[in-house]
PDB file of N, CA and C in Angstrom:
ATOM      1  N   MET A   1     -21.199 -27.688  40.608  1.00  0.00           N
ATOM      2  CA  MET A   1     -21.498 -27.087  39.327  1.00  0.00           C
ATOM      3  C   MET A   1     -22.983 -27.353  39.035  1.00  0.00           C
ATOM      4  N   THR A   2     -23.658 -26.303  38.629  1.00  0.00           N
ATOM      5  CA  THR A   2     -25.095 -26.430  38.387  1.00  0.00           C
ATOM      6  C   THR A   2     -25.347 -27.000  37.000  1.00  0.00           C
ATOM      7  N   GLU A   3     -26.567 -27.397  36.781  1.00  0.00           N
ATOM      8  CA  GLU A   3     -26.970 -27.963  35.486  1.00  0.00           C
ATOM      9  C   GLU A   3     -26.814 -26.930  34.372  1.00  0.00           C
ATOM     10  N   GLY A   4     -27.098 -25.679  34.646  1.00  0.00           N
ATOM     11  CA  GLY A   4     -26.961 -24.599  33.656  1.00  0.00           C
ATOM     12  C   GLY A   4     -25.507 -24.400  33.254  1.00  0.00           C
ATOM     13  N   GLU A   5     -24.607 -24.482  34.224  1.00  0.00           N
ATOM     14  CA  GLU A   5     -23.187 -24.327  33.932  1.00  0.00           C
ATOM     15  C   GLU A   5     -22.686 -25.504  33.091  1.00  0.00           C
ATOM     16  N   LYS A   6     -23.160 -26.709  33.427  1.00  0.00           N
ATOM     17  CA  LYS A   6     -22.770 -27.888  32.657  1.00  0.00           C
ATOM     18  C   LYS A   6     -23.241 -27.767  31.207  1.00  0.00           C
ATOM     19  N   GLN A   7     -24.458 -27.291  31.032  1.00  0.00           N
ATOM     20  CA  GLN A   7     -25.003 -27.112  29.686  1.00  0.00           C
ATOM     21  C   GLN A   7     -24.208 -26.058  28.919  1.00  0.00           C
ATOM     22  N   LEU A   8     -23.831 -24.983  29.613  1.00  0.00           N
ATOM     23  CA  LEU A   8     -23.046 -23.917  28.998  1.00  0.00           C
ATOM     24  C   LEU A   8     -21.681 -24.454  28.538  1.00  0.00           C
ATOM     25  N   ILE A   9     -21.032 -25.244  29.387  1.00  0.00           N
ATOM     26  CA  ILE A   9     -19.738 -25.839  29.037  1.00  0.00           C
ATOM     27  C   ILE A   9     -19.897 -26.785  27.845  1.00  0.00           C
ATOM     28  N   PHE A  10     -20.958 -27.578  27.862  1.00  0.00           N
ATOM     29  CA  PHE A  10     -21.228 -28.497  26.755  1.00  0.00           C
ATOM     30  C   PHE A  10     -21.436 -27.730  25.457  1.00  0.00           C
ATOM     31  N   ASP A  11     -22.199 -26.648  25.519  1.00  0.00           N
ATOM     32  CA  ASP A  11     -22.450 -25.828  24.328  1.00  0.00           C
ATOM     33  C   ASP A  11     -21.156 -25.202  23.801  1.00  0.00           C
ATOM     34  N   ILE A  12     -20.320 -24.732  24.719  1.00  0.00           N
ATOM     35  CA  ILE A  12     -19.050 -24.119  24.311  1.00  0.00           C
ATOM     36  C   ILE A  12     -18.163 -25.164  23.644  1.00  0.00           C
ATOM     37  N   LYS A  13     -18.078 -26.372  24.235  1.00  0.00           N
ATOM     38  CA  LYS A  13     -17.278 -27.440  23.642  1.00  0.00           C
ATOM     39  C   LYS A  13     -17.796 -27.801  22.249  1.00  0.00           C
ATOM     40  N   ALA A  14     -19.113 -27.851  22.108  1.00  0.00           N
ATOM     41  CA  ALA A  14     -19.704 -28.177  20.808  1.00  0.00           C
ATOM     42  C   ALA A  14     -19.368 -27.106  19.772  1.00  0.00           C
ATOM     43  N   LYS A  15     -19.415 -25.844  20.188  1.00  0.00           N
ATOM     44  CA  LYS A  15     -19.081 -24.746  19.264  1.00  0.00           C
ATOM     45  C   LYS A  15     -17.600 -24.766  18.887  1.00  0.00           C
ATOM     46  N   ILE A  16     -16.756 -25.087  19.856  1.00  0.00           N
ATOM     47  CA  ILE A  16     -15.318 -25.166  19.581  1.00  0.00           C
ATOM     48  C   ILE A  16     -15.051 -26.304  18.600  1.00  0.00           C
ATOM     49  N   LYS A  17     -15.694 -27.461  18.816  1.00  0.00           N
ATOM     50  CA  LYS A  17     -15.523 -28.599  17.915  1.00  0.00           C
ATOM     51  C   LYS A  17     -15.991 -28.235  16.507  1.00  0.00           C
ATOM     52  N   LYS A  18     -17.123 -27.523  16.437  1.00  0.00           N
ATOM     53  CA  LYS A  18     -17.649 -27.089  15.140  1.00  0.00           C
ATOM     54  C   LYS A  18     -16.661 -26.140  14.451  1.00  0.00           C
ATOM     55  N   CYS A  19     -16.035 -25.249  15.226  1.00  0.00           N
ATOM     56  CA  CYS A  19     -15.046 -24.311  14.675  1.00  0.00           C
ATOM     57  C   CYS A  19     -13.831 -25.060  14.136  1.00  0.00           C
ATOM     58  N   PHE A  20     -13.353 -26.071  14.875  1.00  0.00           N
ATOM     59  CA  PHE A  20     -12.216 -26.859  14.404  1.00  0.00           C
ATOM     60  C   PHE A  20     -12.552 -27.601  13.111  1.00  0.00           C
ATOM     61  N   LEU A  21     -13.748 -28.172  13.039  1.00  0.00           N
ATOM     62  CA  LEU A  21     -14.163 -28.870  11.822  1.00  0.00           C
ATOM     63  C   LEU A  21     -14.233 -27.906  10.642  1.00  0.00           C
ATOM     64  N   HIS A  22     -14.778 -26.734  10.898  1.00  0.00           N
ATOM     65  CA  HIS A  22     -14.874 -25.720   9.847  1.00  0.00           C
ATOM     66  C   HIS A  22     -13.470 -25.276   9.410  1.00  0.00           C
ATOM     67  N   CYS A  23     -12.571 -25.133  10.383  1.00  0.00           N
ATOM     68  CA  CYS A  23     -11.194 -24.742  10.087  1.00  0.00           C
ATOM     69  C   CYS A  23     -10.524 -25.805   9.216  1.00  0.00           C
ATOM     70  N   ASP A  24     -10.735 -27.062   9.537  1.00  0.00           N
ATOM     71  CA  ASP A  24     -10.158 -28.153   8.745  1.00  0.00           C
ATOM     72  C   ASP A  24     -10.695 -28.140   7.319  1.00  0.00           C
ATOM     73  N   SER A  25     -11.983 -27.926   7.166  1.00  0.00           N
ATOM     74  CA  SER A  25     -12.555 -27.891   5.812  1.00  0.00           C
ATOM     75  C   SER A  25     -12.024 -26.693   5.023  1.00  0.00           C
ATOM     76  N   LEU A  26     -11.799 -25.573   5.712  1.00  0.00           N
ATOM     77  CA  LEU A  26     -11.237 -24.399   5.031  1.00  0.00           C
ATOM     78  C   LEU A  26      -9.789 -24.646   4.610  1.00  0.00           C
ATOM     79  N   LYS A  27      -9.037 -25.391   5.418  1.00  0.00           N
ATOM     80  CA  LYS A  27      -7.659 -25.726   5.051  1.00  0.00           C
ATOM     81  C   LYS A  27      -7.637 -26.580   3.791  1.00  0.00           C
ATOM     82  N   VAL A  28      -8.540 -27.568   3.718  1.00  0.00           N
ATOM     83  CA  VAL A  28      -8.620 -28.422   2.532  1.00  0.00           C
ATOM     84  C   VAL A  28      -9.007 -27.587   1.315  1.00  0.00           C
ATOM     85  N   GLU A  29      -9.969 -26.709   1.497  1.00  0.00           N
ATOM     86  CA  GLU A  29     -10.407 -25.842   0.388  1.00  0.00           C
ATOM     87  C   GLU A  29      -9.259 -24.943  -0.067  1.00  0.00           C
ATOM     88  N   LYS A  30      -8.500 -24.414   0.877  1.00  0.00           N
ATOM     89  CA  LYS A  30      -7.352 -23.555   0.551  1.00  0.00           C
ATOM     90  C   LYS A  30      -6.322 -24.331  -0.256  1.00  0.00           C
ATOM     91  N   GLU A  31      -6.026 -25.559   0.148  1.00  0.00           N
ATOM     92  CA  GLU A  31      -5.065 -26.379  -0.586  1.00  0.00           C
ATOM     93  C   GLU A  31      -5.542 -26.637  -2.016  1.00  0.00           C
ATOM     94  N   ASN A  32      -6.823 -26.917  -2.172  1.00  0.00           N
ATOM     95  CA  ASN A  32      -7.380 -27.145  -3.508  1.00  0.00           C
ATOM     96  C   ASN A  32      -7.273 -25.898  -4.376  1.00  0.00           C
ATOM     97  N   ILE A  33      -7.548 -24.763  -3.780  1.00  0.00           N
ATOM     98  CA  ILE A  33      -7.465 -23.497  -4.525  1.00  0.00           C
ATOM     99  C   ILE A  33      -6.020 -23.207  -4.918  1.00  0.00           C
ATOM    100  N   GLU A  34      -5.071 -23.489  -4.020  1.00  0.00           N
ATOM    101  CA  GLU A  34      -3.661 -23.260  -4.347  1.00  0.00           C
ATOM    102  C   GLU A  34      -3.205 -24.184  -5.483  1.00  0.00           C
ATOM    103  N   LYS A  35      -3.655 -25.433  -5.469  1.00  0.00           N
ATOM    104  CA  LYS A  35      -3.319 -26.359  -6.552  1.00  0.00           C
ATOM    105  C   LYS A  35      -3.890 -25.863  -7.875  1.00  0.00           C
ATOM    106  N   GLN A  36      -5.142 -25.428  -7.830  1.00  0.00           N
ATOM    107  CA  GLN A  36      -5.787 -24.916  -9.037  1.00  0.00           C
ATOM    108  C   GLN A  36      -5.059 -23.663  -9.532  1.00  0.00           C
ATOM    109  N   ASN A  37      -4.623 -22.829  -8.609  1.00  0.00           N
ATOM    110  CA  ASN A  37      -3.890 -21.617  -8.957  1.00  0.00           C
ATOM    111  C   ASN A  37      -2.591 -21.963  -9.677  1.00  0.00           C
ATOM    112  N   GLU A  38      -1.866 -22.957  -9.193  1.00  0.00           N
ATOM    113  CA  GLU A  38      -0.631 -23.382  -9.847  1.00  0.00           C
ATOM    114  C   GLU A  38      -0.895 -23.920 -11.246  1.00  0.00           C
ATOM    115  N   ILE A  39      -1.959 -24.700 -11.376  1.00  0.00           N
ATOM    116  CA  ILE A  39      -2.321 -25.228 -12.697  1.00  0.00           C
ATOM    117  C   ILE A  39      -2.614 -24.081 -13.659  1.00  0.00           C
ATOM    118  N   LEU A  40      -3.360 -23.101 -13.184  1.00  0.00           N
ATOM    119  CA  LEU A  40      -3.705 -21.962 -14.039  1.00  0.00           C
ATOM    120  C   LEU A  40      -2.480 -21.118 -14.380  1.00  0.00           C
ATOM    121  N   LYS A  41      -1.555 -20.980 -13.436  1.00  0.00           N
ATOM    122  CA  LYS A  41      -0.320 -20.238 -13.731  1.00  0.00           C
ATOM    123  C   LYS A  41       0.486 -20.932 -14.814  1.00  0.00           C
ATOM    124  N   ARG A  42       0.571 -22.266 -14.739  1.00  0.00           N
ATOM    125  CA  ARG A  42       1.289 -23.009 -15.776  1.00  0.00           C
ATOM    126  C   ARG A  42       0.595 -22.862 -17.128  1.00  0.00           C
ATOM    127  N   GLU A  43      -0.727 -22.884 -17.112  1.00  0.00           N
ATOM    128  CA  GLU A  43      -1.490 -22.729 -18.361  1.00  0.00           C
ATOM    129  C   GLU A  43      -1.265 -21.335 -18.953  1.00  0.00           C
ATOM    130  N   ILE A  44      -1.249 -20.318 -18.116  1.00  0.00           N
ATOM    131  CA  ILE A  44      -0.996 -18.950 -18.586  1.00  0.00           C
ATOM    132  C   ILE A  44       0.397 -18.867 -19.200  1.00  0.00           C
ATOM    133  N   SER A  45       1.372 -19.473 -18.533  1.00  0.00           N
ATOM    134  CA  SER A  45       2.740 -19.458 -19.049  1.00  0.00           C
ATOM    135  C   SER A  45       2.810 -20.152 -20.408  1.00  0.00           C
ATOM    136  N   ARG A  46       2.146 -21.301 -20.527  1.00  0.00           N
ATOM    137  CA  ARG A  46       2.135 -22.033 -21.789  1.00  0.00           C
ATOM    138  C   ARG A  46       1.482 -21.209 -22.891  1.00  0.00           C
ATOM    139  N   LEU A  47       0.381 -20.540 -22.548  1.00  0.00           N
ATOM    140  CA  LEU A  47      -0.325 -19.731 -23.544  1.00  0.00           C
ATOM    141  C   LEU A  47       0.501 -18.511 -23.956  1.00  0.00           C
ATOM    142  N   LYS A  48       1.232 -17.920 -23.015  1.00  0.00           N
ATOM    143  CA  LYS A  48       2.101 -16.793 -23.364  1.00  0.00           C
ATOM    144  C   LYS A  48       3.184 -17.235 -24.336  1.00  0.00           C
ATOM    145  N   GLU A  49       3.762 -18.409 -24.089  1.00  0.00           N
ATOM    146  CA  GLU A  49       4.771 -18.933 -25.001  1.00  0.00           C
ATOM    147  C   GLU A  49       4.166 -19.178 -26.385  1.00  0.00           C
ATOM    148  N   SER A  50       2.950 -19.682 -26.395  1.00  0.00           N
ATOM    149  CA  SER A  50       2.272 -19.937 -27.657  1.00  0.00           C
ATOM    150  C   SER A  50       2.022 -18.636 -28.414  1.00  0.00           C
ATOM    151  N   VAL A  51       1.596 -17.618 -27.703  1.00  0.00           N
ATOM    152  CA  VAL A  51       1.354 -16.314 -28.334  1.00  0.00           C
ATOM    153  C   VAL A  51       2.652 -15.761 -28.910  1.00  0.00           C
ATOM    154  N   THR A  52       3.728 -15.865 -28.148  1.00  0.00           N
ATOM    155  CA  THR A  52       5.026 -15.383 -28.626  1.00  0.00           C
ATOM    156  C   THR A  52       5.446 -16.132 -29.881  1.00  0.00           C
ATOM    157  N   ASP A  53       5.240 -17.438 -29.877  1.00  0.00           N
ATOM    158  CA  ASP A  53       5.582 -18.248 -31.052  1.00  0.00           C
ATOM    159  C   ASP A  53       4.762 -17.823 -32.267  1.00  0.00           C
ATOM    160  N   PHE A  54       3.465 -17.614 -32.063  1.00  0.00           N
ATOM    161  CA  PHE A  54       2.617 -17.184 -33.172  1.00  0.00           C
ATOM    162  C   PHE A  54       2.992 -15.789 -33.662  1.00  0.00           C
ATOM    163  N   GLU A  55       3.387 -14.914 -32.755  1.00  0.00           N
ATOM    164  CA  GLU A  55       3.812 -13.571 -33.173  1.00  0.00           C
ATOM    165  C   GLU A  55       5.058 -13.657 -34.049  1.00  0.00           C
ATOM    166  N   ARG A  56       6.009 -14.539 -33.666  1.00  0.00           N
ATOM    167  CA  ARG A  56       7.210 -14.717 -34.485  1.00  0.00           C
ATOM    168  C   ARG A  56       6.845 -15.258 -35.862  1.00  0.00           C
ATOM    169  N   LYS A  57       5.984 -16.260 -35.877  1.00  0.00           N
ATOM    170  CA  LYS A  57       5.576 -16.842 -37.157  1.00  0.00           C
ATOM    171  C   LYS A  57       4.865 -15.814 -38.020  1.00  0.00           C
ATOM    172  N   TYR A  58       4.056 -14.964 -37.385  1.00  0.00           N
ATOM    173  CA  TYR A  58       3.346 -13.917 -38.125  1.00  0.00           C
ATOM    174  C   TYR A  58       4.330 -12.930 -38.750  1.00  0.00           C
ATOM    175  N   GLU A  59       5.341 -12.546 -37.990  1.00  0.00           N
ATOM    176  CA  GLU A  59       6.339 -11.610 -38.527  1.00  0.00           C
ATOM    177  C   GLU A  59       7.074 -12.226 -39.719  1.00  0.00           C
ATOM    178  N   VAL A  60       7.431 -13.504 -39.604  1.00  0.00           N
ATOM    179  CA  VAL A  60       8.099 -14.185 -40.721  1.00  0.00           C
ATOM    180  C   VAL A  60       7.182 -14.225 -41.930  1.00  0.00           C
ATOM    181  N   LEU A  61       5.921 -14.556 -41.692  1.00  0.00           N
ATOM    182  CA  LEU A  61       4.955 -14.612 -42.780  1.00  0.00           C
ATOM    183  C   LEU A  61       4.768 -13.243 -43.426  1.00  0.00           C
ATOM    184  N   LYS A  62       4.745 -12.202 -42.602  1.00  0.00           N
ATOM    185  CA  LYS A  62       4.611 -10.846 -43.113  1.00  0.00           C
ATOM    186  C   LYS A  62       5.800 -10.483 -44.004  1.00  0.00           C
ATOM    187  N   MET A  63       7.008 -10.848 -43.551  1.00  0.00           N
ATOM    188  CA  MET A  63       8.195 -10.555 -44.361  1.00  0.00           C
ATOM    189  C   MET A  63       8.155 -11.329 -45.669  1.00  0.00           C
ATOM    190  N   ALA A  64       7.792 -12.587 -45.582  1.00  0.00           N
ATOM    191  CA  ALA A  64       7.721 -13.407 -46.791  1.00  0.00           C
ATOM    192  C   ALA A  64       6.692 -12.840 -47.757  1.00  0.00           C
ATOM    193  N   LYS A  65       5.566 -12.408 -47.243  1.00  0.00           N
ATOM    194  CA  LYS A  65       4.509 -11.826 -48.078  1.00  0.00           C
ATOM    195  C   LYS A  65       4.991 -10.533 -48.729  1.00  0.00           C
ATOM    196  N   SER A  66       5.689  -9.694 -47.950  1.00  0.00           N
ATOM    197  CA  SER A  66       6.146  -8.426 -48.518  1.00  0.00           C
ATOM    198  C   SER A  66       7.187  -8.661 -49.601  1.00  0.00           C
ATOM    199  N   LEU A  67       8.014  -9.697 -49.424  1.00  0.00           N
ATOM    200  CA  LEU A  67       9.003  -9.996 -50.470  1.00  0.00           C
ATOM    201  C   LEU A  67       8.346 -10.620 -51.692  1.00  0.00           C
ATOM    202  N   SER A  68       7.298 -11.393 -51.487  1.00  0.00           N
ATOM    203  CA  SER A  68       6.642 -12.018 -52.637  1.00  0.00           C
ATOM    204  C   SER A  68       5.789 -11.015 -53.413  1.00  0.00           C
ATOM    205  N   ASP A  69       5.413  -9.912 -52.753  1.00  0.00           N
ATOM    206  CA  ASP A  69       4.626  -8.891 -53.433  1.00  0.00           C
ATOM    207  C   ASP A  69       5.464  -8.114 -54.456  1.00  0.00           C
ATOM    208  N   VAL A  70       6.757  -8.169 -54.270  1.00  0.00           N
ATOM    209  CA  VAL A  70       7.635  -7.454 -55.196  1.00  0.00           C
ATOM    210  C   VAL A  70       7.592  -8.190 -56.528  1.00  0.00           C
ATOM    211  N   GLU A  71       7.152  -7.496 -57.518  1.00  0.00           N
ATOM    212  CA  GLU A  71       7.028  -8.103 -58.850  1.00  0.00           C
ATOM    213  C   GLU A  71       8.427  -8.432 -59.378  1.00  0.00           C
ATOM    214  N   ALA A  72       8.796  -7.870 -60.461  1.00  0.00           N
ATOM    215  CA  ALA A  72      10.082  -8.160 -61.088  1.00  0.00           C
ATOM    216  C   ALA A  72      11.060  -7.018 -60.890  1.00  0.00           C
ATOM    217  N   ASP A  73      10.754  -6.083 -60.031  1.00  0.00           N
ATOM    218  CA  ASP A  73      11.612  -4.922 -59.842  1.00  0.00           C
ATOM    219  C   ASP A  73      12.718  -5.251 -58.835  1.00  0.00           C
ATOM    220  N   PRO A  74      13.911  -5.501 -59.297  1.00  0.00           N
ATOM    221  CA  PRO A  74      15.000  -5.886 -58.387  1.00  0.00           C
ATOM    222  C   PRO A  74      15.411  -4.756 -57.446  1.00  0.00           C
ATOM    223  N   GLN A  75      15.207  -3.510 -57.856  1.00  0.00           N
ATOM    224  CA  GLN A  75      15.576  -2.381 -57.000  1.00  0.00           C
ATOM    225  C   GLN A  75      14.696  -2.348 -55.749  1.00  0.00           C
ATOM    226  N   VAL A  76      13.402  -2.578 -55.904  1.00  0.00           N
ATOM    227  CA  VAL A  76      12.477  -2.598 -54.763  1.00  0.00           C
ATOM    228  C   VAL A  76      12.813  -3.776 -53.852  1.00  0.00           C
ATOM    229  N   ALA A  77      13.099  -4.904 -54.453  1.00  0.00           N
ATOM    230  CA  ALA A  77      13.457  -6.089 -53.672  1.00  0.00           C
ATOM    231  C   ALA A  77      14.726  -5.838 -52.868  1.00  0.00           C
ATOM    232  N   LYS A  78      15.702  -5.183 -53.505  1.00  0.00           N
ATOM    233  CA  LYS A  78      16.957  -4.888 -52.817  1.00  0.00           C
ATOM    234  C   LYS A  78      16.716  -3.948 -51.642  1.00  0.00           C
ATOM    235  N   GLN A  79      15.867  -2.945 -51.823  1.00  0.00           N
ATOM    236  CA  GLN A  79      15.556  -2.013 -50.736  1.00  0.00           C
ATOM    237  C   GLN A  79      14.895  -2.741 -49.559  1.00  0.00           C
ATOM    238  N   LYS A  80      13.987  -3.640 -49.871  1.00  0.00           N
ATOM    239  CA  LYS A  80      13.305  -4.380 -48.805  1.00  0.00           C
ATOM    240  C   LYS A  80      14.284  -5.282 -48.050  1.00  0.00           C
ATOM    241  N   VAL A  81      15.162  -5.950 -48.792  1.00  0.00           N
ATOM    242  CA  VAL A  81      16.152  -6.814 -48.145  1.00  0.00           C
ATOM    243  C   VAL A  81      17.090  -5.978 -47.282  1.00  0.00           C
ATOM    244  N   THR A  82      17.485  -4.819 -47.761  1.00  0.00           N
ATOM    245  CA  THR A  82      18.351  -3.922 -46.991  1.00  0.00           C
ATOM    246  C   THR A  82      17.647  -3.484 -45.702  1.00  0.00           C
ATOM    247  N   LYS A  83      16.368  -3.173 -45.812  1.00  0.00           N
ATOM    248  CA  LYS A  83      15.608  -2.771 -44.638  1.00  0.00           C
ATOM    249  C   LYS A  83      15.554  -3.917 -43.615  1.00  0.00           C
ATOM    250  N   ILE A  84      15.338  -5.122 -44.085  1.00  0.00           N
ATOM    251  CA  ILE A  84      15.275  -6.283 -43.194  1.00  0.00           C
ATOM    252  C   ILE A  84      16.628  -6.504 -42.521  1.00  0.00           C
ATOM    253  N   VAL A  85      17.711  -6.353 -43.272  1.00  0.00           N
ATOM    254  CA  VAL A  85      19.055  -6.527 -42.706  1.00  0.00           C
ATOM    255  C   VAL A  85      19.302  -5.476 -41.624  1.00  0.00           C
ATOM    256  N   ARG A  86      18.866  -4.243 -41.854  1.00  0.00           N
ATOM    257  CA  ARG A  86      19.021  -3.186 -40.844  1.00  0.00           C
ATOM    258  C   ARG A  86      18.253  -3.548 -39.570  1.00  0.00           C
ATOM    259  N   GLU A  87      17.045  -4.065 -39.734  1.00  0.00           N
ATOM    260  CA  GLU A  87      16.254  -4.474 -38.571  1.00  0.00           C
ATOM    261  C   GLU A  87      16.944  -5.595 -37.808  1.00  0.00           C
ATOM    262  N   ILE A  88      17.519  -6.528 -38.536  1.00  0.00           N
ATOM    263  CA  ILE A  88      18.254  -7.628 -37.889  1.00  0.00           C
ATOM    264  C   ILE A  88      19.470  -7.074 -37.150  1.00  0.00           C
ATOM    265  N   ASP A  89      20.175  -6.131 -37.771  1.00  0.00           N
ATOM    266  CA  ASP A  89      21.334  -5.518 -37.103  1.00  0.00           C
ATOM    267  C   ASP A  89      20.923  -4.801 -35.818  1.00  0.00           C
ATOM    268  N   LYS A  90      19.775  -4.122 -35.852  1.00  0.00           N
ATOM    269  CA  LYS A  90      19.279  -3.447 -34.646  1.00  0.00           C
ATOM    270  C   LYS A  90      18.985  -4.472 -33.552  1.00  0.00           C
ATOM    271  N   CYS A  91      18.378  -5.585 -33.935  1.00  0.00           N
ATOM    272  CA  CYS A  91      18.065  -6.643 -32.955  1.00  0.00           C
ATOM    273  C   CYS A  91      19.332  -7.205 -32.345  1.00  0.00           C
ATOM    274  N   ILE A  92      20.336  -7.438 -33.180  1.00  0.00           N
ATOM    275  CA  ILE A  92      21.605  -7.960 -32.680  1.00  0.00           C
ATOM    276  C   ILE A  92      22.264  -6.955 -31.731  1.00  0.00           C
ATOM    277  N   ALA A  93      22.185  -5.676 -32.085  1.00  0.00           N
ATOM    278  CA  ALA A  93      22.763  -4.637 -31.227  1.00  0.00           C
ATOM    279  C   ALA A  93      22.046  -4.617 -29.876  1.00  0.00           C
ATOM    280  N   LEU A  94      20.735  -4.773 -29.884  1.00  0.00           N
ATOM    281  CA  LEU A  94      19.991  -4.795 -28.625  1.00  0.00           C
ATOM    282  C   LEU A  94      20.352  -6.029 -27.794  1.00  0.00           C
ATOM    283  N   LEU A  95      20.570  -7.138 -28.440  1.00  0.00           N
ATOM    284  CA  LEU A  95      20.946  -8.361 -27.720  1.00  0.00           C
ATOM    285  C   LEU A  95      22.337  -8.269 -27.121  1.00  0.00           C
ATOM    286  N   ASN A  96      23.219  -7.514 -27.775  1.00  0.00           N
ATOM    287  CA  ASN A  96      24.585  -7.382 -27.283  1.00  0.00           C
ATOM    288  C   ASN A  96      24.723  -6.397 -26.132  1.00  0.00           C
ATOM    289  N   ARG A  97      23.686  -5.658 -25.815  1.00  0.00           N
ATOM    290  CA  ARG A  97      23.755  -4.691 -24.711  1.00  0.00           C
ATOM    291  C   ARG A  97      23.884  -5.364 -23.387  1.00  0.00           C
TER     292      ARG A  97
END
């Protein structure tokens, strides 16, 4: 084997070793990214639950506000309560499907 061939083999081995090291670092980076992705997915899920909770609270507040806006007119209050009961009945019907 000539000196040039030995050098070529040495260079190839060095490049292969460099590729393996790079592959290992990419595997570590991939694992870190996957962990971060899971953390972010959990955070998104938590925030969605929070948004849903706030939407429910907003609807309750809206209903309370609309009922408190009714002055002393019992007929208007009765109509609003009837409307709310109908909405609740619709929700129950949808849940029973």
